[in-house]
Amino acid sequence: MLNENVNISQEELLKSTNLLKLLDNYFNEKIVGQKNLEISLLTALLANGHILLESVPGLAKTTASKVMTDAVAGKFSRIQCTPDLLPSDIIGTQVYNYSSSEFETKTGPVFANFVLLDEINRSSSKTQSAMLEAMQEKQVTIGGEIYKLPEVFIVIATQNPIEQEGTYLLSEAQLDRFLIKEKLNYPTISEEIEILNRIEKEIFDSNNAIMSLEDIIFLQNIRKKVYIDNSIKKYIADIIYTTRFPKGIIPDNLAEYIEAGASTRGAIAFMECAKSVALLNGRTHVIPEDIKTLRYSVLRHRIALTFTALADNVSVESIIDAIFGAIQTP
């Protein structure tokens, strides 16, 4: 399965391993537990992709986002989403200058390396759609002109799944543009105590950057070189196909709960995430376990379930488990 013509040198692998270890140590110093969150954030960082974080309030979604951005010397923007937020509040607008009698472009907070959309589901559908171009094409259009976003551009959105009043469901097109969706769980008792101890020691108050944006670009370029065999690509294609046409592959009582499957973006996300996970584990090639590691994060927002599934309390994670159980591992 290995490619004899691997483009990653030992020196490049050693440098990337050391940089990733620095990030791992920095994250674990700031955040207690939440290992899946760390893997998801680092995966998004390596793939230059966007991540959606979901949990009840107070579980460090915003803190984790800030920790990742503080680790590098990049520009950070925080946008608090509210129902009255306008698209121009995010991407920018044209303002008339009376002294020059001309319109001037004022860019919005989206022009940053890391953009935190806090409680994205509180913004209107119109405002949410303003981010589609930015997230997909890494550019925005203001007054008919195209403005490129930074090379390192990652959107970190958070949402609260419990509160429904004053919220707007994210469209399928919006959800699909997130590379991964991660859910945060409550900490254990011992983790809660450790959080209190770190708060008391003011560990969270120090935010010194440990690397530069050039280091992140280096890691992203190394990730692109990670080898993925055709058998692994076939494995990804089989998984995505089963999300679309599950009947006859997974049990019929589960297949009927799937209303719509993953798009081609889902297959691309699996490949990009698997390369990131391989690099995080110090490998220059992808193995099947790299696909399985983030299976929930890649698929949970790309598989639409029927109302019957909601009524029967069937989780999308159980559907994903059934799909992976039905597909033969290469």
Protein backbone atom coordinates (compact mmCIF):
# COMPACT_ATOMS: atom_id res chain seq x y z
CA MET A 1 0.00 0.00 0.00
CA LEU A 2 2.94 2.34 0.53
CA ASN A 3 4.17 4.58 -2.24
CA GLU A 4 7.87 4.12 -2.93
CA ASN A 5 8.08 7.67 -4.25
CA VAL A 6 7.03 9.47 -1.08
CA ASN A 7 7.64 13.20 -1.50
CA ILE A 8 8.19 13.87 2.21
CA SER A 9 11.83 13.81 3.28
CA GLN A 10 12.99 12.67 6.71
CA GLU A 11 13.95 16.25 7.53
CA GLU A 12 10.46 17.51 6.62
CA LEU A 13 8.83 14.72 8.63
CA LEU A 14 11.01 15.47 11.65
CA LYS A 15 10.24 19.18 11.48
CA SER A 16 6.49 18.58 11.12
CA THR A 17 6.54 16.09 14.01
CA ASN A 18 8.28 18.61 16.26
CA LEU A 19 5.87 21.39 15.32
CA LEU A 20 2.84 19.18 15.93
CA LYS A 21 4.24 18.15 19.29
CA LEU A 22 4.52 21.81 20.24
CA LEU A 23 0.87 22.34 19.29
CA ASP A 24 -0.18 19.23 21.21
CA ASN A 25 1.65 20.36 24.36
CA TYR A 26 0.21 23.88 24.07
CA PHE A 27 -3.34 22.58 23.66
CA ASN A 28 -3.07 20.15 26.58
CA GLU A 29 -1.67 22.93 28.77
CA LYS A 30 -4.72 25.09 28.10
CA ILE A 31 -7.54 22.56 27.66
CA VAL A 32 -8.38 19.70 30.02
CA GLY A 33 -9.62 16.50 28.36
CA GLN A 34 -11.57 16.90 25.10
CA LYS A 35 -9.09 14.77 23.11
CA ASN A 36 -11.48 14.47 20.16
CA LEU A 37 -11.73 18.25 20.07
CA GLU A 38 -7.94 18.57 19.93
CA ILE A 39 -7.68 16.10 17.04
CA SER A 40 -10.48 17.89 15.17
CA LEU A 41 -8.94 21.34 15.66
CA LEU A 42 -5.47 20.20 14.59
CA THR A 43 -7.00 18.38 11.61
CA ALA A 44 -8.80 21.55 10.54
CA LEU A 45 -5.58 23.51 11.00
CA LEU A 46 -3.55 21.12 8.84
CA ALA A 47 -6.24 20.89 6.16
CA ASN A 48 -6.95 24.64 6.22
CA GLY A 49 -10.59 23.67 6.64
CA HIS A 50 -13.50 24.94 8.70
CA ILE A 51 -14.89 23.37 11.86
CA LEU A 52 -18.29 23.49 13.56
CA LEU A 53 -18.33 22.99 17.33
CA GLU A 54 -21.54 22.01 19.08
CA SER A 55 -22.31 21.73 22.78
CA VAL A 56 -24.23 23.33 25.59
CA PRO A 57 -22.77 26.64 26.82
CA GLY A 58 -19.68 26.69 29.01
CA LEU A 59 -17.76 23.71 27.65
CA ALA A 60 -14.80 25.71 26.29
CA LYS A 61 -15.83 25.97 22.63
CA THR A 62 -14.72 29.59 22.43
CA THR A 63 -11.71 28.94 24.69
CA ALA A 64 -10.51 26.05 22.52
CA SER A 65 -10.90 28.18 19.40
CA LYS A 66 -8.87 30.97 20.97
CA VAL A 67 -6.22 28.53 22.17
CA MET A 68 -5.59 27.30 18.64
CA THR A 69 -5.33 30.82 17.25
CA ASP A 70 -3.15 32.06 20.10
CA ALA A 71 -0.64 29.32 19.32
CA VAL A 72 0.32 31.01 16.06
CA ALA A 73 1.08 34.62 15.27
CA GLY A 74 -1.99 35.11 13.10
CA LYS A 75 -4.91 37.51 13.02
CA PHE A 76 -8.01 36.52 14.99
CA SER A 77 -11.56 37.86 14.62
CA ARG A 78 -14.53 37.07 16.81
CA ILE A 79 -18.03 37.67 15.44
CA GLN A 80 -20.92 37.36 17.87
CA CYS A 81 -23.84 36.18 15.77
CA THR A 82 -27.23 37.74 16.56
CA PRO A 83 -30.51 37.90 14.60
CA ASP A 84 -29.85 41.52 13.59
CA LEU A 85 -26.36 40.81 12.25
CA LEU A 86 -26.07 41.84 8.59
CA PRO A 87 -23.90 40.30 5.84
CA SER A 88 -22.01 43.60 5.55
CA ASP A 89 -21.13 43.31 9.25
CA ILE A 90 -19.11 40.21 8.34
CA ILE A 91 -17.64 40.70 4.87
CA GLY A 92 -17.58 44.50 4.73
CA THR A 93 -19.26 47.13 2.59
CA GLN A 94 -18.71 50.25 0.52
CA VAL A 95 -18.83 53.61 2.29
CA TYR A 96 -19.21 56.95 0.53
CA ASN A 97 -16.38 59.37 1.26
CA TYR A 98 -17.74 62.91 1.05
CA SER A 99 -14.29 64.50 0.94
CA SER A 100 -13.22 62.52 -2.14
CA SER A 101 -16.74 62.02 -3.55
CA GLU A 102 -15.92 58.34 -4.04
CA PHE A 103 -16.97 55.03 -2.54
CA GLU A 104 -14.39 53.32 -0.37
CA THR A 105 -14.34 49.64 0.52
CA LYS A 106 -14.31 48.84 4.23
CA THR A 107 -13.45 45.18 4.74
CA GLY A 108 -15.14 43.27 7.55
CA PRO A 109 -13.81 41.01 10.31
CA VAL A 110 -13.85 38.00 7.97
CA PHE A 111 -10.44 39.19 6.75
CA ALA A 112 -8.47 37.28 9.35
CA ASN A 113 -6.62 33.99 9.60
CA PHE A 114 -8.99 32.58 12.21
CA VAL A 115 -12.62 33.70 12.29
CA LEU A 116 -14.75 32.65 15.24
CA LEU A 117 -18.48 32.74 14.45
CA ASP A 118 -19.89 32.46 17.94
CA GLU A 119 -23.41 30.95 18.04
CA ILE A 120 -23.70 30.88 14.26
CA ASN A 121 -27.25 29.53 14.43
CA ARG A 122 -28.41 32.83 15.99
CA SER A 123 -27.72 34.71 12.76
CA SER A 124 -30.32 34.82 9.99
CA SER A 125 -30.16 32.64 6.90
CA LYS A 126 -29.22 35.67 4.81
CA THR A 127 -26.28 36.43 7.05
CA GLN A 128 -25.20 32.78 7.16
CA SER A 129 -25.19 32.69 3.36
CA ALA A 130 -22.74 35.61 3.30
CA MET A 131 -20.10 33.17 4.54
CA LEU A 132 -20.62 30.61 1.77
CA GLU A 133 -18.34 32.29 -0.76
CA ALA A 134 -15.71 33.01 1.88
CA MET A 135 -15.65 29.43 3.15
CA GLN A 136 -15.58 27.78 -0.27
CA GLU A 137 -13.66 30.13 -2.56
CA LYS A 138 -11.57 31.89 0.11
CA GLN A 139 -12.74 35.23 -1.26
CA VAL A 140 -15.59 37.72 -0.87
CA THR A 141 -17.29 40.06 -3.31
CA ILE A 142 -17.89 43.66 -2.24
CA GLY A 143 -19.40 46.13 -4.69
CA GLY A 144 -18.77 43.80 -7.59
CA GLU A 145 -15.06 43.43 -6.81
CA ILE A 146 -13.41 40.25 -5.56
CA TYR A 147 -11.18 40.43 -2.48
CA LYS A 148 -8.97 37.45 -1.62
CA LEU A 149 -8.83 36.19 1.95
CA PRO A 150 -5.56 35.22 3.71
CA GLU A 151 -3.78 32.00 2.67
CA VAL A 152 -4.42 30.55 6.11
CA PHE A 153 -8.15 31.03 6.57
CA ILE A 154 -10.13 28.90 9.01
CA VAL A 155 -13.69 29.49 10.21
CA ILE A 156 -14.50 28.12 13.65
CA ALA A 157 -18.24 28.24 14.27
CA THR A 158 -20.04 27.33 17.48
CA GLN A 159 -23.66 26.50 18.12
CA ASN A 160 -25.86 25.52 21.03
CA PRO A 161 -28.14 22.56 20.17
CA ILE A 162 -30.53 23.09 23.07
CA GLU A 163 -31.91 26.61 22.71
CA GLN A 164 -34.32 26.97 19.78
CA GLU A 165 -35.80 30.40 20.41
CA GLY A 166 -34.19 33.06 18.24
CA THR A 167 -32.13 30.53 16.26
CA TYR A 168 -32.01 29.57 12.59
CA LEU A 169 -31.15 26.13 11.28
CA LEU A 170 -28.02 25.99 9.17
CA SER A 171 -28.74 25.07 5.56
CA GLU A 172 -27.33 21.87 4.05
CA ALA A 173 -25.10 23.99 1.79
CA GLN A 174 -23.72 25.80 4.83
CA LEU A 175 -23.16 22.61 6.82
CA ASP A 176 -21.42 20.91 3.92
CA ARG A 177 -18.76 23.60 3.83
CA PHE A 178 -17.56 22.67 7.28
CA LEU A 179 -14.80 20.11 7.00
CA ILE A 180 -15.79 18.57 10.31
CA LYS A 181 -18.38 18.94 13.04
CA GLU A 182 -17.31 18.13 16.56
CA LYS A 183 -19.50 17.65 19.62
CA LEU A 184 -18.16 18.45 23.07
CA ASN A 185 -19.05 16.41 26.15
CA TYR A 186 -19.17 17.32 29.82
CA PRO A 187 -15.84 16.89 31.66
CA THR A 188 -15.40 14.17 34.27
CA ILE A 189 -15.16 15.05 37.96
CA SER A 190 -11.36 14.80 37.94
CA GLU A 191 -11.18 16.95 34.80
CA GLU A 192 -13.48 19.53 36.40
CA ILE A 193 -11.17 19.73 39.41
CA GLU A 194 -8.14 20.14 37.13
CA ILE A 195 -9.91 22.99 35.30
CA LEU A 196 -10.47 24.78 38.59
CA ASN A 197 -6.82 24.29 39.53
CA ARG A 198 -5.65 25.78 36.24
CA ILE A 199 -8.04 28.71 36.58
CA GLU A 200 -6.60 29.35 40.03
CA LYS A 201 -3.04 29.28 38.65
CA GLU A 202 -4.07 31.67 35.85
CA ILE A 203 -2.69 29.32 33.21
CA PHE A 204 -5.25 30.53 30.68
CA ASP A 205 -4.06 34.13 30.94
CA SER A 206 -0.73 33.55 29.17
CA ASN A 207 -1.12 33.49 25.40
CA ASN A 208 2.34 33.49 23.87
CA ALA A 209 2.58 32.30 20.26
CA ILE A 210 4.71 29.19 19.86
CA MET A 211 5.03 29.27 16.06
CA SER A 212 4.39 31.45 13.04
CA LEU A 213 1.93 31.38 10.17
CA GLU A 214 4.82 30.24 7.97
CA ASP A 215 5.08 27.13 10.15
CA ILE A 216 1.37 26.44 9.65
CA ILE A 217 1.73 26.86 5.88
CA PHE A 218 4.68 24.44 6.00
CA LEU A 219 2.56 21.86 7.84
CA GLN A 220 -0.30 22.31 5.39
CA ASN A 221 2.02 21.76 2.45
CA ILE A 222 3.47 18.63 4.06
CA ARG A 223 -0.04 17.28 4.63
CA LYS A 224 -0.76 17.61 0.92
CA LYS A 225 2.17 15.28 0.21
CA VAL A 226 0.90 12.48 2.46
CA TYR A 227 0.31 9.41 0.31
CA ILE A 228 -3.12 7.82 0.06
CA ASP A 229 -3.45 4.54 -1.81
CA ASN A 230 -6.21 3.86 -4.34
CA SER A 231 -7.55 1.11 -2.07
CA ILE A 232 -8.14 3.73 0.64
CA LYS A 233 -9.83 6.03 -1.89
CA LYS A 234 -12.08 3.12 -2.86
CA TYR A 235 -12.85 2.62 0.84
CA ILE A 236 -13.89 6.29 1.10
CA ALA A 237 -16.02 6.03 -2.07
CA ASP A 238 -17.79 2.92 -0.74
CA ILE A 239 -18.60 4.70 2.52
CA ILE A 240 -19.99 7.78 0.76
CA TYR A 241 -22.00 5.60 -1.66
CA THR A 242 -23.57 3.74 1.27
CA THR A 243 -24.73 7.00 2.86
CA ARG A 244 -26.64 7.70 -0.37
CA PHE A 245 -27.93 4.22 -1.17
CA PRO A 246 -27.96 2.30 2.12
CA LYS A 247 -30.65 -0.27 1.30
CA GLY A 248 -29.24 -3.74 0.93
CA ILE A 249 -25.95 -2.73 2.57
CA ILE A 250 -26.95 -1.82 6.12
CA PRO A 251 -29.99 -3.26 7.95
CA ASP A 252 -33.26 -2.09 6.37
CA ASN A 253 -34.60 -0.79 9.69
CA LEU A 254 -31.66 1.65 9.78
CA ALA A 255 -31.53 2.41 6.06
CA GLU A 256 -35.06 3.82 6.16
CA TYR A 257 -33.92 6.51 8.60
CA ILE A 258 -31.56 8.11 6.04
CA GLU A 259 -33.19 10.89 4.05
CA ALA A 260 -30.09 12.11 2.20
CA GLY A 261 -26.46 11.04 2.08
CA ALA A 262 -23.13 12.82 1.88
CA SER A 263 -22.01 14.84 -1.14
CA THR A 264 -18.67 14.63 -2.91
CA ARG A 265 -17.41 17.19 -0.39
CA GLY A 266 -17.78 14.41 2.17
CA ALA A 267 -15.40 12.18 0.20
CA ILE A 268 -12.93 15.03 -0.17
CA ALA A 269 -13.21 15.78 3.55
CA PHE A 270 -12.42 12.15 4.40
CA MET A 271 -9.29 12.24 2.25
CA GLU A 272 -8.09 15.58 3.63
CA CYS A 273 -8.80 14.61 7.23
CA ALA A 274 -7.16 11.19 6.83
CA LYS A 275 -3.97 12.83 5.54
CA SER A 276 -4.00 15.16 8.55
CA VAL A 277 -4.52 12.30 11.01
CA ALA A 278 -1.70 10.33 9.38
CA LEU A 279 0.66 13.29 9.78
CA LEU A 280 -0.47 13.78 13.37
CA ASN A 281 0.59 10.18 13.97
CA GLY A 282 3.98 10.72 12.33
CA ARG A 283 3.22 8.81 9.13
CA THR A 284 3.69 9.77 5.49
CA HIS A 285 0.87 7.51 4.31
CA VAL A 286 -2.81 6.97 5.14
CA ILE A 287 -4.11 3.75 6.70
CA PRO A 288 -7.78 2.70 7.13
CA GLU A 289 -7.72 3.65 10.81
CA ASP A 290 -7.13 7.26 9.78
CA ILE A 291 -10.49 7.18 7.98
CA LYS A 292 -12.22 5.70 11.02
CA THR A 293 -10.71 8.17 13.51
CA LEU A 294 -12.87 11.12 12.41
CA ARG A 295 -15.80 9.21 10.90
CA TYR A 296 -18.35 10.92 13.15
CA SER A 297 -16.85 14.36 12.68
CA VAL A 298 -16.84 14.08 8.89
CA LEU A 299 -20.29 12.50 8.44
CA ARG A 300 -22.55 13.60 11.31
CA HIS A 301 -23.50 16.86 9.57
CA ARG A 302 -23.62 15.36 6.10
CA ILE A 303 -26.18 12.60 6.67
CA ALA A 304 -29.74 13.92 6.88
CA LEU A 305 -32.10 11.76 8.95
CA THR A 306 -35.86 11.54 8.60
CA PHE A 307 -38.34 12.86 11.16
CA THR A 308 -39.01 9.24 12.06
CA ALA A 309 -35.40 8.86 13.17
CA LEU A 310 -35.79 11.87 15.45
CA ALA A 311 -39.03 10.47 16.83
CA ASP A 312 -37.42 7.07 17.43
CA ASN A 313 -34.40 8.71 19.05
CA VAL A 314 -32.00 7.23 16.49
CA SER A 315 -28.65 9.03 16.46
CA VAL A 316 -26.67 9.75 13.33
CA GLU A 317 -23.65 8.19 15.04
CA SER A 318 -25.44 4.82 15.20
CA ILE A 319 -26.13 5.07 11.47
CA ILE A 320 -22.45 5.86 10.84
CA ASP A 321 -21.41 2.83 12.91
CA ALA A 322 -23.72 0.64 10.82
CA ILE A 323 -22.22 1.98 7.59
CA PHE A 324 -18.64 1.37 8.72
CA GLY A 325 -19.59 -2.06 10.00
CA ALA A 326 -21.00 -2.99 6.58
CA ILE A 327 -18.03 -1.81 4.50
CA GLN A 328 -15.02 -4.11 4.31
CA THR A 329 -11.81 -2.52 5.55
CA PRO A 330 -9.01 -2.69 2.96
